[in-house]
C-alpha atoms as a PDB file:
ATOM      1  CA  MET A   1     -23.222  10.999 -39.792  1.00  0.00           C
ATOM      2  CA  LEU A   2     -21.529  10.122 -36.225  1.00  0.00           C
ATOM      3  CA  PRO A   3     -23.019   7.353 -34.116  1.00  0.00           C
ATOM      4  CA  THR A   4     -24.704   9.138 -30.581  1.00  0.00           C
ATOM      5  CA  PHE A   5     -24.272   5.981 -28.379  1.00  0.00           C
ATOM      6  CA  GLY A   6     -27.266   7.262 -26.299  1.00  0.00           C
ATOM      7  CA  LEU A   7     -25.448   9.710 -24.620  1.00  0.00           C
ATOM      8  CA  ARG A   8     -26.449  13.029 -23.486  1.00  0.00           C
ATOM      9  CA  LEU A   9     -24.998  16.267 -21.460  1.00  0.00           C
ATOM     10  CA  SER A  10     -26.152  16.503 -17.575  1.00  0.00           C
ATOM     11  CA  GLU A  11     -27.807  20.172 -17.043  1.00  0.00           C
ATOM     12  CA  ALA A  12     -26.690  19.927 -13.289  1.00  0.00           C
ATOM     13  CA  LYS A  13     -23.107  19.075 -14.202  1.00  0.00           C
ATOM     14  CA  THR A  14     -22.760  21.070 -17.668  1.00  0.00           C
ATOM     15  CA  ARG A  15     -22.069  24.843 -17.316  1.00  0.00           C
ATOM     16  CA  VAL A  16     -20.225  27.362 -19.437  1.00  0.00           C
ATOM     17  CA  VAL A  17     -17.534  29.085 -17.281  1.00  0.00           C
ATOM     18  CA  HIS A  18     -14.800  31.616 -18.154  1.00  0.00           C
ATOM     19  CA  LEU A  19     -11.081  30.372 -18.068  1.00  0.00           C
ATOM     20  CA  SER A  20     -10.295  32.752 -15.442  1.00  0.00           C
ATOM     21  CA  GLU A  21     -12.720  31.446 -13.069  1.00  0.00           C
ATOM     22  CA  GLY A  22     -11.157  28.025 -13.603  1.00  0.00           C
ATOM     23  CA  PHE A  23     -12.855  24.338 -13.492  1.00  0.00           C
ATOM     24  CA  PRO A  24     -12.228  21.208 -12.192  1.00  0.00           C
ATOM     25  CA  PHE A  25     -11.333  18.432 -14.513  1.00  0.00           C
ATOM     26  CA  LEU A  26     -10.284  14.796 -12.992  1.00  0.00           C
ATOM     27  CA  GLY A  27      -8.911  15.919 -10.022  1.00  0.00           C
ATOM     28  CA  PHE A  28      -7.160  19.051 -11.455  1.00  0.00           C
ATOM     29  CA  ARG A  29      -8.144  22.570 -11.350  1.00  0.00           C
ATOM     30  CA  ILE A  30      -7.556  24.398 -14.788  1.00  0.00           C
ATOM     31  CA  GLN A  31      -7.467  28.020 -14.791  1.00  0.00           C
ATOM     32  CA  TRP A  32      -5.978  30.992 -16.677  1.00  0.00           C
ATOM     33  CA  ARG A  33      -3.262  33.173 -14.848  1.00  0.00           C
ATOM     34  CA  ARG A  34      -0.858  35.521 -15.697  1.00  0.00           C
ATOM     35  CA  LYS A  35       2.886  33.920 -15.581  1.00  0.00           C
ATOM     36  CA  ARG A  36       4.454  36.058 -12.551  1.00  0.00           C
ATOM     37  CA  GLY A  37       7.227  38.620 -13.940  1.00  0.00           C
ATOM     38  CA  THR A  38       5.513  38.884 -17.382  1.00  0.00           C
ATOM     39  CA  GLY A  39       2.365  40.092 -18.919  1.00  0.00           C
ATOM     40  CA  LYS A  40       1.700  36.585 -20.698  1.00  0.00           C
ATOM     41  CA  TRP A  41      -1.376  34.669 -20.021  1.00  0.00           C
ATOM     42  CA  HIS A  42      -1.313  30.940 -19.764  1.00  0.00           C
ATOM     43  CA  ALA A  43      -3.784  27.824 -18.751  1.00  0.00           C
ATOM     44  CA  TRP A  44      -2.203  26.550 -15.518  1.00  0.00           C
ATOM     45  CA  THR A  45      -3.076  23.285 -14.036  1.00  0.00           C
ATOM     46  CA  PHE A  46      -3.369  22.878 -10.352  1.00  0.00           C
ATOM     47  CA  ILE A  47      -4.604  19.777  -7.922  1.00  0.00           C
ATOM     48  CA  ASP A  48      -8.177  20.394  -6.748  1.00  0.00           C
ATOM     49  CA  ASP A  49      -8.640  20.185  -3.054  1.00  0.00           C
ATOM     50  CA  ARG A  50     -10.449  16.921  -3.015  1.00  0.00           C
ATOM     51  CA  PRO A  51      -7.567  14.614  -4.078  1.00  0.00           C
ATOM     52  CA  VAL A  52      -5.698  16.225  -1.424  1.00  0.00           C
ATOM     53  CA  ARG A  53      -8.172  15.229   1.357  1.00  0.00           C
ATOM     54  CA  THR A  54      -8.478  11.861  -0.284  1.00  0.00           C
ATOM     55  CA  ALA A  55      -4.677  11.234  -0.361  1.00  0.00           C
ATOM     56  CA  LYS A  56      -4.799  12.523   3.585  1.00  0.00           C
ATOM     57  CA  ALA A  57      -7.341   9.980   4.216  1.00  0.00           C
ATOM     58  CA  LYS A  58      -5.471   7.167   2.798  1.00  0.00           C
ATOM     59  CA  ILE A  59      -2.353   8.293   4.848  1.00  0.00           C
ATOM     60  CA  ARG A  60      -4.396   8.255   7.914  1.00  0.00           C
ATOM     61  CA  ALA A  61      -5.823   4.636   7.255  1.00  0.00           C
ATOM     62  CA  LEU A  62      -2.096   3.524   6.777  1.00  0.00           C
ATOM     63  CA  THR A  63      -0.850   5.006   9.903  1.00  0.00           C
ATOM     64  CA  PRO A  64      -3.261   4.351  12.857  1.00  0.00           C
ATOM     65  CA  ARG A  65      -1.443   5.467  15.994  1.00  0.00           C
ATOM     66  CA  THR A  66      -1.988   1.933  17.654  1.00  0.00           C
ATOM     67  CA  SER A  67      -1.198  -0.197  14.748  1.00  0.00           C
ATOM     68  CA  GLN A  68       1.078  -3.233  15.533  1.00  0.00           C
ATOM     69  CA  LEU A  69       1.762  -4.053  11.715  1.00  0.00           C
ATOM     70  CA  ASP A  70       5.295  -4.593  10.692  1.00  0.00           C
ATOM     71  CA  LEU A  71       6.992  -0.975  10.137  1.00  0.00           C
ATOM     72  CA  GLU A  72       8.710  -2.173   6.743  1.00  0.00           C
ATOM     73  CA  HIS A  73       5.344  -3.359   5.400  1.00  0.00           C
ATOM     74  CA  MET A  74       3.450  -0.020   6.336  1.00  0.00           C
ATOM     75  CA  LEU A  75       6.281   2.175   4.872  1.00  0.00           C
ATOM     76  CA  THR A  76       6.188   0.244   1.788  1.00  0.00           C
ATOM     77  CA  ARG A  77       2.383   0.766   1.336  1.00  0.00           C
ATOM     78  CA  LEU A  78       2.531   4.293   2.321  1.00  0.00           C
ATOM     79  CA  ASN A  79       5.277   4.979  -0.084  1.00  0.00           C
ATOM     80  CA  GLN A  80       3.541   3.154  -2.954  1.00  0.00           C
ATOM     81  CA  VAL A  81       0.333   5.219  -2.281  1.00  0.00           C
ATOM     82  CA  MET A  82       2.220   8.667  -2.353  1.00  0.00           C
ATOM     83  CA  HIS A  83       4.543   7.738  -5.195  1.00  0.00           C
ATOM     84  CA  GLY A  84       1.405   6.878  -7.308  1.00  0.00           C
ATOM     85  CA  TRP A  85      -0.255  10.000  -6.534  1.00  0.00           C
ATOM     86  CA  ALA A  86       2.320  11.795  -7.002  1.00  0.00           C
ATOM     87  CA  ASN A  87       3.072  10.295 -10.610  1.00  0.00           C
ATOM     88  CA  TYR A  88      -0.722  11.204 -11.382  1.00  0.00           C
ATOM     89  CA  PHE A  89      -0.337  14.792 -10.443  1.00  0.00           C
ATOM     90  CA  ARG A  90       3.202  15.173 -11.711  1.00  0.00           C
ATOM     91  CA  HIS A  91       2.090  17.653 -14.560  1.00  0.00           C
ATOM     92  CA  ALA A  92       0.163  19.650 -12.223  1.00  0.00           C
ATOM     93  CA  VAL A  93       1.478  23.031 -10.558  1.00  0.00           C
ATOM     94  CA  ALA A  94       1.787  20.896  -7.347  1.00  0.00           C
ATOM     95  CA  LYS A  95       4.713  21.950  -5.311  1.00  0.00           C
ATOM     96  CA  ARG A  96       2.712  23.229  -1.936  1.00  0.00           C
ATOM     97  CA  ALA A  97       0.226  20.082  -2.279  1.00  0.00           C
ATOM     98  CA  PHE A  98       3.248  17.704  -2.577  1.00  0.00           C
ATOM     99  CA  ALA A  99       4.793  19.532   0.393  1.00  0.00           C
ATOM    100  CA  ILE A 100       1.940  19.199   2.652  1.00  0.00           C
ATOM    101  CA  LEU A 101       1.473  15.609   2.022  1.00  0.00           C
ATOM    102  CA  ASP A 102       4.832  14.987   2.811  1.00  0.00           C
ATOM    103  CA  HIS A 103       4.834  16.664   5.937  1.00  0.00           C
ATOM    104  CA  PHE A 104       1.199  15.271   6.743  1.00  0.00           C
ATOM    105  CA  ALA A 105       2.845  11.830   6.297  1.00  0.00           C
ATOM    106  CA  TRP A 106       6.075  12.436   7.925  1.00  0.00           C
ATOM    107  CA  TRP A 107       4.220  13.239  11.405  1.00  0.00           C
ATOM    108  CA  ARG A 108       1.809  10.489  11.030  1.00  0.00           C
ATOM    109  CA  VAL A 109       4.689   7.845  11.128  1.00  0.00           C
ATOM    110  CA  ILE A 110       6.383   9.895  13.640  1.00  0.00           C
ATOM    111  CA  ARG A 111       3.479   9.959  15.664  1.00  0.00           C
ATOM    112  CA  MET A 112       2.744   6.174  15.173  1.00  0.00           C
ATOM    113  CA  LEU A 113       6.501   5.300  16.333  1.00  0.00           C
ATOM    114  CA  ARG A 114       6.162   7.771  19.258  1.00  0.00           C
ATOM    115  CA  THR A 115       2.957   5.937  20.630  1.00  0.00           C
ATOM    116  CA  ARG A 116       4.405   2.491  19.779  1.00  0.00           C
ATOM    117  CA  HIS A 117       8.064   3.186  21.449  1.00  0.00           C
ATOM    118  CA  ARG A 118       7.427   5.497  24.297  1.00  0.00           C
END
């Protein structure tokens, strides 16, 4: 007999869905889709919308336009955040999400530098 540890499922959070609808799990969105160019179906792992929003919020916090922080320190910290985020989501189909975050971070840094050095 297995121990129960006093755990039970939450009715509000637990639901049964078909894999074609997809479901969120630990920041990923797992969905059943057909591979392009073939008739084969596979379980695809995408990045959910919420982690992208939180990564953008972290980038915003690191790159305020009127900041007087040392540029090297700010870029190092920004690199650490983005590298860690990309490492966590490296197994997802994430080309578009990575491109969005790259573009967003680039323009945040450019705008900060334009404000600092008119």
